[in-house]
Amino acid sequence: MAGYGAALSMGLYLVVKVVWVIAALFGHAPDDFGSADWILLNATTVVMSGTGVALGLALAQRWGLRLPAAPVLFFSWIGAGFLVPLIPFMLIGAFVGGDDGGDSTSAPSWETVFITIGFAGMAVGLAVALPIYLRQRWPQAFLGRVGDLVRTGTTLPALGAGLLGVLWLYWAFGGTLGIAHREVDVTGRLLCASSGMWALIGLASACALATRRPVRLSLWIPMSLAFGASGSLFAWSAWKLPMTLLHPGGFTAVEYTPVAIVEHLLAITVGLTLMKVVLQTARRLGDEGRVDPG
């Protein structure tokens, strides 16, 4: 049900993006975007949302368990990394962020509703369906206790995630070091807080997997959280880095450009490295045959 809900929700978002692309082809694009830029941006999100619909169906149906592992892991990692961290942001933003923007009337209400349902439904659907799917397909990586693992060293994922978490929470609570635009709105601060929390979740998960502490903690908890945190670090910064460099539609980062570049490169590196830790842990557990997949 969660997988079908994710697919249906993202289908609504896909409808909006297709309508926008068609409208732009007939010369209807926002004033601050050129037609070519607007078409390219929305065509990209059409592909992304179409992939999200397919992912939701794969999680919902039995044939999804027979798909090659690499594309399923990659697209679910990116999708969950983008959307699952937004769940608390959307809940809090509904109460404190409603009066922030100046362009809330620029889109017809049906588009706003479809986009909101698309993001929220896909996020909740992935949060429910993806851990179930991963546990069904790779049970050895999710059953048992943290204390069953082999101790390893705490390396870049933990240190880098901790640094980014502190930095983003510092900005969320009003810090201005490294910020070019001193007035960061409520939405920007909530996004920083969400990113900072997930970076610290990545730190805690990496430490649990590396140190085997606490020993009685169920293994699925740090494995699932590390999977989500690494995807969040990678996906958002892999999106923001080209935005920072290319300035589509006049986009400018709130950070100074050199700060933003270093920040996003570090987040991409930490996200990839943390995901490598997750995969290595799962592979090691599978090789040991600690849990019978049958």
Protein backbone atom coordinates (compact mmCIF):
# COMPACT_ATOMS: atom_id res chain seq x y z
CA MET A 1 0.00 0.00 0.00
CA ALA A 2 2.84 2.39 0.80
CA GLY A 3 4.50 1.67 -2.54
CA TYR A 4 1.27 2.23 -4.47
CA GLY A 5 0.65 5.41 -2.49
CA ALA A 6 4.12 6.68 -3.34
CA ALA A 7 3.60 5.95 -7.05
CA LEU A 8 0.17 7.61 -7.13
CA SER A 9 1.38 10.68 -5.24
CA MET A 10 4.40 11.18 -7.46
CA GLY A 11 2.12 10.69 -10.47
CA LEU A 12 0.28 13.88 -9.46
CA TYR A 13 3.59 15.77 -9.36
CA LEU A 14 4.45 14.31 -12.77
CA VAL A 15 1.19 15.67 -14.22
CA VAL A 16 2.08 19.20 -13.09
CA LYS A 17 5.55 19.03 -14.59
CA VAL A 18 4.28 17.71 -17.92
CA VAL A 19 1.72 20.53 -18.08
CA TRP A 20 4.46 23.09 -17.35
CA VAL A 21 6.70 21.71 -20.11
CA ILE A 22 3.85 21.79 -22.64
CA ALA A 23 2.92 25.33 -21.58
CA ALA A 24 6.55 26.47 -21.94
CA LEU A 25 6.69 25.05 -25.46
CA PHE A 26 3.88 27.47 -26.30
CA GLY A 27 5.74 30.41 -24.77
CA HIS A 28 4.32 30.38 -21.24
CA ALA A 29 7.26 30.48 -18.80
CA PRO A 30 7.93 32.50 -15.61
CA ASP A 31 9.44 35.93 -16.17
CA ASP A 32 12.64 35.10 -14.25
CA PHE A 33 13.34 32.01 -16.40
CA GLY A 34 14.07 31.82 -20.09
CA SER A 35 11.88 29.35 -21.97
CA ALA A 36 14.82 27.03 -22.66
CA ASP A 37 15.95 27.03 -19.01
CA TRP A 38 12.40 26.42 -17.77
CA ILE A 39 11.84 23.56 -20.22
CA LEU A 40 15.17 21.95 -19.32
CA LEU A 41 14.55 22.23 -15.59
CA ASN A 42 11.05 20.77 -15.80
CA ALA A 43 12.01 18.09 -18.32
CA THR A 44 14.63 16.95 -15.81
CA THR A 45 12.02 16.73 -13.06
CA VAL A 46 9.67 14.88 -15.43
CA VAL A 47 12.31 12.17 -15.77
CA MET A 48 12.94 12.18 -12.02
CA SER A 49 9.25 11.96 -11.12
CA GLY A 50 8.65 9.25 -13.73
CA THR A 51 11.46 7.27 -12.14
CA GLY A 52 9.81 7.84 -8.75
CA VAL A 53 6.53 6.38 -10.01
CA ALA A 54 8.37 3.32 -11.32
CA LEU A 55 10.23 2.96 -8.01
CA GLY A 56 7.00 3.05 -6.01
CA LEU A 57 5.52 0.31 -8.20
CA ALA A 58 8.69 -1.78 -7.87
CA LEU A 59 8.48 -1.55 -4.08
CA ALA A 60 4.80 -2.51 -4.16
CA GLN A 61 4.91 -5.53 -6.46
CA ARG A 62 6.67 -8.89 -6.30
CA TRP A 63 8.54 -8.34 -9.55
CA GLY A 64 10.42 -5.55 -7.83
CA LEU A 65 12.30 -8.16 -5.78
CA ARG A 66 13.68 -9.65 -9.00
CA LEU A 67 15.08 -6.42 -10.42
CA PRO A 68 18.88 -5.96 -10.58
CA ALA A 69 20.17 -4.73 -7.24
CA ALA A 70 22.28 -1.79 -8.46
CA PRO A 71 19.54 0.38 -10.07
CA VAL A 72 17.04 -0.40 -7.30
CA LEU A 73 19.52 0.61 -4.61
CA PHE A 74 20.66 3.71 -6.51
CA PHE A 75 17.21 5.14 -7.28
CA SER A 76 15.78 4.28 -3.86
CA TRP A 77 18.86 5.81 -2.22
CA ILE A 78 18.50 9.05 -4.18
CA GLY A 79 14.71 9.20 -3.81
CA ALA A 80 14.74 8.51 -0.08
CA GLY A 81 17.64 10.93 0.36
CA PHE A 82 15.71 13.73 -1.31
CA LEU A 83 12.29 13.20 0.22
CA VAL A 84 12.29 11.32 3.53
CA PRO A 85 14.26 14.06 5.37
CA LEU A 86 11.57 16.52 4.27
CA ILE A 87 8.81 14.84 6.29
CA PRO A 88 9.46 16.78 9.54
CA PHE A 89 10.23 19.90 7.50
CA MET A 90 6.84 19.70 5.76
CA LEU A 91 5.03 19.09 9.04
CA ILE A 92 6.71 22.00 10.82
CA GLY A 93 6.59 24.25 7.76
CA ALA A 94 2.83 23.83 7.57
CA PHE A 95 2.58 25.67 10.90
CA VAL A 96 5.45 28.17 10.86
CA GLY A 97 6.37 28.72 7.22
CA GLY A 98 3.08 29.60 5.64
CA ASP A 99 3.61 33.37 5.54
CA ASP A 100 7.13 33.30 4.19
CA GLY A 101 7.00 33.33 0.45
CA GLY A 102 6.02 36.06 -1.92
CA ASP A 103 5.11 33.85 -4.90
CA SER A 104 2.49 31.62 -3.31
CA THR A 105 -0.17 33.10 -5.60
CA SER A 106 1.83 32.63 -8.82
CA ALA A 107 0.63 29.05 -9.35
CA PRO A 108 -2.99 27.88 -9.60
CA SER A 109 -4.19 26.10 -6.51
CA TRP A 110 -4.49 22.70 -8.19
CA GLU A 111 -0.79 22.77 -9.08
CA THR A 112 0.20 23.66 -5.54
CA VAL A 113 -1.98 20.87 -4.14
CA PHE A 114 -0.64 18.28 -6.60
CA ILE A 115 2.98 19.23 -5.89
CA THR A 116 2.45 19.12 -2.13
CA ILE A 117 0.72 15.74 -2.28
CA GLY A 118 3.41 14.48 -4.65
CA PHE A 119 6.28 15.29 -2.30
CA ALA A 120 4.51 14.34 0.93
CA GLY A 121 2.99 11.12 -0.38
CA MET A 122 6.21 9.93 -2.01
CA ALA A 123 8.20 10.76 1.14
CA VAL A 124 5.88 8.87 3.48
CA GLY A 125 5.52 6.00 1.02
CA LEU A 126 9.28 5.57 0.74
CA ALA A 127 9.75 5.86 4.51
CA VAL A 128 7.37 2.92 5.01
CA ALA A 129 7.93 0.74 1.93
CA LEU A 130 11.68 0.99 1.43
CA PRO A 131 12.85 -0.52 4.77
CA ILE A 132 10.38 -3.39 4.28
CA TYR A 133 11.67 -4.00 0.76
CA LEU A 134 15.32 -3.89 1.82
CA ARG A 135 14.69 -6.25 4.72
CA GLN A 136 12.84 -8.71 2.47
CA ARG A 137 15.56 -8.71 -0.17
CA TRP A 138 18.65 -8.55 2.05
CA PRO A 139 17.56 -9.92 5.45
CA GLN A 140 21.13 -10.61 6.60
CA ALA A 141 21.82 -6.87 6.64
CA PHE A 142 18.83 -6.01 8.84
CA LEU A 143 18.35 -8.88 11.30
CA GLY A 144 20.29 -9.27 14.53
CA ARG A 145 22.04 -6.83 16.85
CA VAL A 146 24.74 -4.21 16.42
CA GLY A 147 26.92 -6.20 18.82
CA ASP A 148 27.13 -9.02 16.22
CA LEU A 149 29.20 -6.83 13.91
CA VAL A 150 32.99 -6.77 13.58
CA ARG A 151 34.50 -3.62 15.08
CA THR A 152 35.98 -1.18 12.54
CA GLY A 153 37.50 2.29 12.77
CA THR A 154 35.49 5.51 12.80
CA THR A 155 36.58 7.33 9.66
CA LEU A 156 35.55 10.11 7.29
CA PRO A 157 31.78 9.42 7.30
CA ALA A 158 31.46 10.09 11.03
CA LEU A 159 33.85 13.05 11.15
CA GLY A 160 32.52 14.72 7.99
CA ALA A 161 28.88 14.15 8.91
CA GLY A 162 29.49 15.62 12.36
CA LEU A 163 31.16 18.72 10.90
CA LEU A 164 28.35 19.30 8.41
CA GLY A 165 25.69 18.68 11.04
CA VAL A 166 27.14 21.29 13.39
CA LEU A 167 27.56 23.80 10.55
CA TRP A 168 23.99 23.43 9.25
CA LEU A 169 22.46 23.63 12.71
CA TYR A 170 24.58 26.72 13.41
CA TRP A 171 23.05 28.36 10.34
CA ALA A 172 19.57 27.10 11.26
CA PHE A 173 19.77 28.87 14.62
CA GLY A 174 20.85 32.18 13.10
CA GLY A 175 24.62 31.88 12.68
CA THR A 176 26.00 34.10 9.92
CA LEU A 177 29.60 32.94 9.47
CA GLY A 178 29.94 31.92 5.81
CA ILE A 179 26.52 33.36 4.89
CA ALA A 180 26.43 35.99 2.16
CA HIS A 181 22.73 36.87 2.54
CA ARG A 182 22.37 37.66 6.21
CA GLU A 183 18.57 37.46 6.21
CA VAL A 184 17.79 33.74 5.84
CA ASP A 185 14.03 33.10 5.81
CA VAL A 186 12.15 30.55 7.88
CA THR A 187 12.09 28.02 5.04
CA GLY A 188 15.85 28.26 4.62
CA ARG A 189 16.43 27.76 8.34
CA LEU A 190 14.10 24.77 8.48
CA LEU A 191 15.93 23.17 5.56
CA CYS A 192 19.26 23.78 7.29
CA ALA A 193 17.89 22.24 10.49
CA SER A 194 16.61 19.20 8.58
CA SER A 195 19.96 18.74 6.81
CA GLY A 196 21.85 19.18 10.09
CA MET A 197 19.72 16.63 11.91
CA TRP A 198 20.19 14.04 9.18
CA ALA A 199 23.93 14.66 9.09
CA LEU A 200 24.08 13.97 12.83
CA ILE A 201 21.92 10.87 12.31
CA GLY A 202 24.55 9.78 9.81
CA LEU A 203 27.24 10.43 12.43
CA ALA A 204 25.42 8.36 15.07
CA SER A 205 24.72 5.52 12.62
CA ALA A 206 28.31 5.38 11.39
CA CYS A 207 29.60 5.30 14.95
CA ALA A 208 27.17 2.49 15.88
CA LEU A 209 28.26 0.38 12.90
CA ALA A 210 31.94 1.05 13.55
CA THR A 211 32.07 0.62 17.33
CA ARG A 212 29.31 -2.01 17.81
CA ARG A 213 27.70 0.19 20.46
CA PRO A 214 25.11 -0.10 21.86
CA VAL A 215 25.49 -3.85 21.50
CA ARG A 216 21.77 -4.67 21.96
CA LEU A 217 20.53 -2.15 19.39
CA SER A 218 18.65 -3.84 16.54
CA LEU A 219 20.82 -3.80 13.42
CA TRP A 220 18.07 -2.55 11.13
CA ILE A 221 18.00 0.81 12.92
CA PRO A 222 21.54 2.09 12.15
CA MET A 223 21.54 0.37 8.75
CA SER A 224 18.28 2.06 7.69
CA LEU A 225 19.25 5.42 9.15
CA ALA A 226 22.72 5.33 7.61
CA PHE A 227 21.16 4.48 4.25
CA GLY A 228 18.79 7.46 4.52
CA ALA A 229 21.36 9.89 5.91
CA SER A 230 23.94 9.06 3.24
CA GLY A 231 21.31 9.54 0.54
CA SER A 232 20.31 12.88 2.02
CA LEU A 233 23.89 14.14 2.12
CA PHE A 234 24.62 13.02 -1.43
CA ALA A 235 21.35 13.81 -3.20
CA TRP A 236 20.78 17.33 -1.91
CA SER A 237 24.36 18.48 -2.43
CA ALA A 238 24.59 16.79 -5.85
CA TRP A 239 21.53 18.92 -6.73
CA LYS A 240 22.71 22.15 -5.09
CA LEU A 241 26.29 22.10 -6.39
CA PRO A 242 25.40 22.59 -10.09
CA MET A 243 22.74 25.12 -9.04
CA THR A 244 25.45 27.07 -7.22
CA LEU A 245 27.82 26.93 -10.18
CA LEU A 246 25.37 27.51 -13.05
CA HIS A 247 22.83 29.93 -11.44
CA PRO A 248 19.74 28.77 -13.37
CA GLY A 249 16.95 31.35 -13.31
CA GLY A 250 19.20 33.73 -11.40
CA PHE A 251 19.59 31.32 -8.47
CA THR A 252 22.13 32.39 -5.86
CA ALA A 253 23.19 30.38 -2.81
CA VAL A 254 22.75 31.99 0.59
CA GLU A 255 26.34 30.99 1.37
CA TYR A 256 29.40 32.61 -0.15
CA THR A 257 30.12 30.69 -3.35
CA PRO A 258 33.46 29.17 -2.21
CA VAL A 259 31.83 28.08 1.07
CA ALA A 260 28.91 26.50 -0.78
CA ILE A 261 31.23 24.63 -3.17
CA VAL A 262 33.34 23.19 -0.35
CA GLU A 263 30.21 22.39 1.70
CA HIS A 264 28.53 20.46 -1.10
CA LEU A 265 31.68 18.64 -2.22
CA LEU A 266 32.22 17.50 1.36
CA ALA A 267 28.58 16.39 1.70
CA ILE A 268 28.76 14.42 -1.58
CA THR A 269 31.99 12.72 -0.44
CA VAL A 270 30.62 11.90 3.01
CA GLY A 271 27.35 10.59 1.55
CA LEU A 272 29.18 8.28 -0.86
CA THR A 273 31.57 7.06 1.82
CA LEU A 274 28.80 6.40 4.34
CA MET A 275 26.86 4.44 1.72
CA LYS A 276 30.03 2.44 1.06
CA VAL A 277 30.12 1.55 4.76
CA VAL A 278 26.49 0.35 4.58
CA LEU A 279 27.20 -1.80 1.52
CA GLN A 280 30.39 -3.23 3.00
CA THR A 281 28.58 -4.11 6.24
CA ALA A 282 25.76 -5.81 4.33
CA ARG A 283 28.24 -7.71 2.15
CA ARG A 284 30.28 -8.82 5.15
CA LEU A 285 27.18 -10.09 6.93
CA GLY A 286 26.09 -11.91 3.79
CA ASP A 287 29.49 -13.55 3.37
CA GLU A 288 29.44 -14.72 6.97
CA GLY A 289 26.03 -16.31 6.43
CA ARG A 290 25.01 -15.14 9.89
CA VAL A 291 21.32 -15.16 8.94
CA ASP A 292 19.64 -17.74 6.72
CA PRO A 293 17.96 -15.75 3.87
CA GLY A 294 15.30 -18.52 3.59
